[in-house]
N, C-alpha and C. Protein backbone atom coordinates (compact mmCIF):
# COMPACT_ATOMS: atom_id res chain seq x y z
N UNK A 1 -25.57 12.43 -39.78
CA UNK A 1 -26.56 13.05 -39.57
C UNK A 1 -26.36 14.34 -39.92
N UNK A 2 -25.41 14.78 -40.60
CA UNK A 2 -26.05 16.43 -41.30
C UNK A 2 -26.81 16.18 -42.34
N UNK A 3 -26.16 14.64 -42.95
CA UNK A 3 -27.18 14.48 -43.72
C UNK A 3 -28.63 14.10 -44.08
N UNK A 4 -28.85 13.48 -43.78
CA UNK A 4 -30.10 12.70 -43.15
C UNK A 4 -31.73 13.24 -43.50
N UNK A 5 -31.78 14.90 -42.79
CA UNK A 5 -32.93 15.46 -43.59
C UNK A 5 -32.70 15.93 -44.09
N UNK A 6 -31.81 16.24 -45.22
CA UNK A 6 -31.86 15.98 -46.33
C UNK A 6 -32.22 15.07 -47.43
N UNK A 7 -31.41 14.37 -47.08
CA UNK A 7 -32.30 12.69 -47.52
C UNK A 7 -33.30 12.21 -47.76
N UNK A 8 -33.68 11.99 -46.34
CA UNK A 8 -35.12 11.84 -46.02
C UNK A 8 -35.51 12.84 -47.23
N UNK A 9 -35.73 14.33 -46.60
CA UNK A 9 -36.62 15.29 -48.03
C UNK A 9 -36.88 14.53 -49.10
N UNK A 10 -35.24 14.68 -49.85
CA UNK A 10 -35.12 13.91 -51.18
C UNK A 10 -35.38 12.29 -51.06
N UNK A 11 -35.68 11.45 -50.04
CA UNK A 11 -36.63 10.32 -51.07
C UNK A 11 -37.89 10.17 -50.06
N UNK A 12 -38.45 11.07 -49.36
CA UNK A 12 -39.96 10.65 -49.78
C UNK A 12 -40.31 11.98 -50.79
N UNK A 13 -40.21 13.41 -51.06
CA UNK A 13 -40.91 14.29 -51.81
C UNK A 13 -40.01 15.17 -53.05
N UNK A 14 -38.52 14.03 -52.63
CA UNK A 14 -37.86 14.61 -54.11
C UNK A 14 -37.45 15.23 -54.38
N UNK A 15 -37.27 15.87 -53.45
CA UNK A 15 -37.13 17.40 -53.54
C UNK A 15 -36.20 17.90 -52.50
N UNK A 16 -35.28 18.54 -52.01
CA UNK A 16 -34.71 19.26 -50.79
C UNK A 16 -35.12 20.35 -50.18
N UNK A 17 -35.58 19.91 -49.04
CA UNK A 17 -35.46 21.35 -47.84
C UNK A 17 -34.38 22.90 -48.39
N UNK A 18 -35.33 23.54 -47.99
CA UNK A 18 -33.99 24.98 -48.40
C UNK A 18 -33.52 24.86 -46.78
N UNK A 19 -33.94 24.38 -45.47
CA UNK A 19 -33.13 23.91 -44.42
C UNK A 19 -32.12 23.74 -44.58
N UNK A 20 -31.99 22.76 -45.08
CA UNK A 20 -30.63 22.34 -45.58
C UNK A 20 -29.19 22.52 -45.67
N UNK A 21 -29.48 23.73 -46.13
CA UNK A 21 -28.96 24.97 -45.85
C UNK A 21 -27.41 24.44 -45.40
N UNK A 22 -27.22 24.84 -43.65
CA UNK A 22 -26.64 24.76 -42.64
C UNK A 22 -26.19 23.81 -41.97
N UNK A 23 -26.98 22.45 -43.01
CA UNK A 23 -26.63 20.99 -42.37
C UNK A 23 -25.66 21.36 -43.90
N UNK A 24 -25.92 21.23 -44.99
CA UNK A 24 -24.90 20.87 -45.37
C UNK A 24 -23.46 21.58 -45.98
N UNK A 25 -23.25 23.05 -45.38
CA UNK A 25 -22.29 23.44 -44.97
C UNK A 25 -21.82 22.53 -43.56
N UNK A 26 -22.09 22.27 -43.33
CA UNK A 26 -20.99 21.89 -42.11
C UNK A 26 -20.74 20.36 -42.60
N UNK A 27 -21.99 19.80 -42.91
CA UNK A 27 -21.31 18.00 -44.15
C UNK A 27 -19.48 18.18 -44.88
N UNK A 28 -20.29 19.62 -46.08
CA UNK A 28 -18.49 20.31 -46.44
C UNK A 28 -17.26 20.34 -45.35
N UNK A 29 -17.37 21.06 -44.36
CA UNK A 29 -16.69 21.44 -43.79
C UNK A 29 -15.75 19.86 -43.44
N UNK A 30 -16.30 18.77 -42.53
CA UNK A 30 -16.56 17.99 -41.70
C UNK A 30 -15.50 17.31 -43.13
N UNK A 31 -16.24 16.76 -44.65
CA UNK A 31 -15.00 16.25 -45.32
C UNK A 31 -13.98 16.99 -46.00
N UNK A 32 -14.07 18.42 -45.60
CA UNK A 32 -12.76 19.07 -45.63
C UNK A 32 -11.65 18.57 -44.99
N UNK A 33 -12.46 19.07 -44.00
CA UNK A 33 -10.82 18.83 -42.80
C UNK A 33 -10.94 17.14 -42.37
N UNK A 34 -11.33 15.81 -42.81
CA UNK A 34 -11.41 15.14 -43.00
C UNK A 34 -10.41 14.66 -44.48
N UNK A 35 -10.69 15.51 -45.32
CA UNK A 35 -9.43 15.23 -46.37
C UNK A 35 -7.76 15.80 -46.25
N UNK A 36 -7.43 17.10 -45.26
CA UNK A 36 -7.57 18.23 -45.37
C UNK A 36 -6.79 18.10 -44.30
N UNK A 37 -6.85 17.90 -43.04
CA UNK A 37 -6.37 18.23 -41.61
C UNK A 37 -6.01 16.66 -41.79
N UNK A 38 -6.59 15.66 -41.75
CA UNK A 38 -7.12 14.53 -41.23
C UNK A 38 -7.02 13.40 -41.56
N UNK A 39 -6.14 13.32 -43.23
CA UNK A 39 -5.51 12.56 -44.70
C UNK A 39 -6.16 11.44 -44.61
N UNK A 40 -7.41 11.88 -44.55
CA UNK A 40 -7.80 9.92 -45.06
C UNK A 40 -8.52 11.07 -46.00
N UNK A 41 -7.28 11.08 -46.85
CA UNK A 41 -7.67 11.15 -48.58
C UNK A 41 -7.06 9.80 -49.28
N UNK A 42 -7.98 9.96 -50.48
CA UNK A 42 -6.96 8.36 -51.22
C UNK A 42 -5.62 9.32 -52.01
N UNK A 43 -5.51 10.53 -51.74
CA UNK A 43 -4.41 11.14 -51.69
C UNK A 43 -3.40 11.97 -51.49
N UNK A 44 -2.26 12.75 -51.19
CA UNK A 44 -1.64 13.59 -50.25
C UNK A 44 -2.23 14.58 -50.59
N UNK A 45 -2.75 15.74 -51.64
CA UNK A 45 -2.98 15.98 -51.72
C UNK A 45 -4.47 16.33 -52.43
N UNK A 46 -5.09 16.16 -51.56
CA UNK A 46 -6.56 16.35 -52.47
C UNK A 46 -7.54 17.50 -52.85
N UNK A 47 -8.26 17.45 -53.98
CA UNK A 47 -8.26 18.82 -54.07
C UNK A 47 -10.47 19.03 -53.97
N UNK A 48 -10.90 19.97 -54.91
CA UNK A 48 -12.14 19.73 -54.49
C UNK A 48 -12.99 19.20 -54.73
N UNK A 49 -12.84 18.42 -55.68
CA UNK A 49 -13.30 17.68 -56.87
C UNK A 49 -13.48 15.90 -55.98
N UNK A 50 -12.50 15.42 -54.95
CA UNK A 50 -12.18 14.45 -54.76
C UNK A 50 -13.33 15.34 -53.54
N UNK A 51 -12.94 15.41 -52.81
CA UNK A 51 -14.17 16.02 -51.79
C UNK A 51 -15.12 16.39 -52.77
N UNK A 52 -15.67 16.67 -52.77
CA UNK A 52 -17.02 16.90 -53.84
C UNK A 52 -17.59 14.85 -53.43
N UNK A 53 -16.49 14.32 -54.28
CA UNK A 53 -17.52 12.72 -54.61
C UNK A 53 -17.01 12.05 -53.29
N UNK A 54 -16.52 12.36 -52.60
CA UNK A 54 -16.43 11.62 -50.83
C UNK A 54 -18.30 12.97 -50.85
N UNK A 55 -18.10 13.55 -49.95
CA UNK A 55 -19.82 13.75 -50.02
C UNK A 55 -20.46 13.91 -50.72
N UNK A 56 -20.76 13.22 -52.22
CA UNK A 56 -21.64 12.71 -52.68
C UNK A 56 -21.67 10.59 -51.88
N UNK A 57 -20.71 10.34 -52.41
CA UNK A 57 -21.01 9.05 -51.30
C UNK A 57 -21.37 8.81 -49.97
N UNK A 58 -20.95 10.00 -49.29
CA UNK A 58 -22.32 9.64 -47.51
C UNK A 58 -23.46 10.14 -48.00
N UNK A 59 -23.20 10.96 -48.98
CA UNK A 59 -24.90 11.25 -49.07
C UNK A 59 -25.78 9.99 -50.18
N UNK A 60 -24.77 9.34 -50.47
CA UNK A 60 -25.43 8.34 -51.30
C UNK A 60 -25.75 7.10 -50.15
N UNK A 61 -24.82 6.68 -49.28
CA UNK A 61 -24.69 5.95 -48.52
C UNK A 61 -25.92 6.11 -47.19
N UNK A 62 -25.73 7.60 -46.31
CA UNK A 62 -26.83 7.88 -45.87
C UNK A 62 -28.35 7.67 -46.61
N UNK A 63 -28.50 7.55 -47.59
CA UNK A 63 -29.64 7.20 -48.23
C UNK A 63 -29.72 6.03 -48.59
N UNK A 64 -28.84 4.84 -48.90
CA UNK A 64 -28.89 4.06 -48.11
C UNK A 64 -29.94 3.27 -47.35
N UNK A 65 -29.02 3.58 -46.30
CA UNK A 65 -29.59 4.00 -45.22
C UNK A 65 -30.80 4.29 -44.06
N UNK A 66 -30.69 4.78 -45.05
CA UNK A 66 -32.52 5.70 -44.45
C UNK A 66 -34.10 4.31 -45.40
N UNK A 67 -33.38 3.82 -46.04
CA UNK A 67 -34.34 3.28 -46.96
C UNK A 67 -34.57 1.95 -46.16
N UNK A 68 -33.25 1.60 -46.07
CA UNK A 68 -32.87 -0.22 -44.40
C UNK A 68 -33.49 0.25 -43.06
N UNK A 69 -34.17 1.22 -43.21
CA UNK A 69 -34.70 1.70 -41.51
C UNK A 69 -35.90 2.16 -42.12
N UNK A 70 -36.56 2.10 -42.91
CA UNK A 70 -37.96 3.27 -42.85
C UNK A 70 -39.24 2.91 -41.88
N UNK A 71 -38.86 1.13 -41.17
CA UNK A 71 -40.07 1.78 -40.13
C UNK A 71 -39.50 1.71 -39.16
N UNK A 72 -38.22 2.58 -39.14
CA UNK A 72 -38.28 3.20 -37.87
C UNK A 72 -38.62 4.78 -38.05
N UNK A 73 -37.91 5.12 -39.54
CA UNK A 73 -38.41 6.05 -39.66
C UNK A 73 -39.32 6.60 -40.02
N UNK A 74 -40.70 5.59 -40.75
CA UNK A 74 -41.93 5.98 -39.99
C UNK A 74 -42.05 6.57 -38.78
N UNK A 75 -42.28 5.86 -37.70
CA UNK A 75 -42.58 5.47 -36.06
C UNK A 75 -41.73 6.72 -35.35
N UNK A 76 -40.52 7.40 -35.76
CA UNK A 76 -39.80 8.48 -35.42
C UNK A 76 -40.59 9.70 -36.26
N UNK A 77 -41.20 9.98 -37.42
CA UNK A 77 -42.05 10.56 -38.60
C UNK A 77 -43.55 10.92 -38.15
N UNK A 78 -44.16 9.63 -37.05
CA UNK A 78 -44.89 9.51 -36.10
C UNK A 78 -45.62 10.30 -34.81
N UNK A 79 -44.54 10.19 -34.11
CA UNK A 79 -44.44 10.72 -33.20
C UNK A 79 -43.45 12.53 -33.09
N UNK A 80 -42.93 12.25 -34.02
CA UNK A 80 -43.02 14.28 -34.23
C UNK A 80 -43.71 15.24 -34.54
N UNK A 81 -44.60 13.77 -35.11
CA UNK A 81 -46.28 14.33 -35.48
C UNK A 81 -47.61 15.19 -34.25
N UNK A 82 -46.72 13.43 -33.96
CA UNK A 82 -47.28 14.31 -32.41
C UNK A 82 -47.00 15.40 -32.00
N UNK A 83 -46.18 15.58 -31.04
CA UNK A 83 -44.93 15.69 -30.21
C UNK A 83 -44.07 17.68 -30.35
N UNK A 84 -43.65 16.53 -31.68
CA UNK A 84 -42.60 17.50 -32.35
C UNK A 84 -41.27 17.21 -32.18
N UNK A 85 -40.70 16.52 -30.98
CA UNK A 85 -40.05 16.79 -30.55
C UNK A 85 -39.40 14.75 -29.72
N UNK A 86 -38.80 14.20 -30.36
CA UNK A 86 -38.16 12.66 -29.71
C UNK A 86 -36.86 13.52 -29.01
N UNK A 87 -36.41 12.03 -28.27
CA UNK A 87 -35.23 12.16 -27.21
C UNK A 87 -34.14 11.25 -27.48
N UNK A 88 -33.00 11.32 -28.39
CA UNK A 88 -32.35 10.37 -28.31
C UNK A 88 -32.05 8.20 -27.83
N UNK A 89 -33.15 8.74 -26.53
CA UNK A 89 -33.38 7.04 -25.42
C UNK A 89 -34.09 6.37 -26.16
N UNK A 90 -35.17 7.50 -26.40
CA UNK A 90 -36.75 6.52 -27.11
C UNK A 90 -36.19 6.33 -28.82
N UNK A 91 -35.36 7.30 -29.19
CA UNK A 91 -34.98 6.70 -30.20
C UNK A 91 -34.52 5.10 -29.92
N UNK A 92 -33.00 5.69 -29.64
CA UNK A 92 -32.39 4.11 -29.37
C UNK A 92 -33.63 3.12 -29.43
N UNK A 93 -34.82 3.08 -28.34
CA UNK A 93 -35.01 1.81 -27.62
C UNK A 93 -36.19 1.46 -29.07
N UNK A 94 -36.24 2.32 -30.15
CA UNK A 94 -36.95 1.88 -30.93
C UNK A 94 -35.68 0.84 -32.20
N UNK A 95 -34.73 1.96 -32.51
CA UNK A 95 -33.89 0.99 -33.46
C UNK A 95 -33.57 -0.38 -32.73
N UNK A 96 -33.06 -0.73 -30.70
CA UNK A 96 -32.83 -1.61 -30.37
C UNK A 96 -34.46 -2.63 -31.30
N UNK A 97 -34.92 -2.21 -30.89
CA UNK A 97 -36.77 -3.50 -31.03
C UNK A 97 -36.58 -3.96 -32.56
N UNK A 98 -35.93 -3.34 -33.72
CA UNK A 98 -35.50 -3.45 -34.74
C UNK A 98 -34.49 -4.90 -35.04
N UNK A 99 -33.55 -3.53 -34.47
CA UNK A 99 -32.29 -4.93 -35.07
C UNK A 99 -32.34 -5.84 -34.09
């Protein structure tokens, strides 16, 4: 979720939004914990390079997922332009209709 906003800006506008900084910082912290605290790295003592590779992989996977859900993204975007907010139950109903 933290990478989705940045990925969508990249997909739609080929640039990153300045408000993605906090989301990216939080995503980096999660990846660091995954590697160092939860042992989810490919090596026993993961380094920053491995963490960066993992974060890049998650970013690519997020972009791929968003590409595969273009119809839902367009619908949510339309609603946000109209109302400026959308609830998770409404998003879920659109997801259920698509999948």
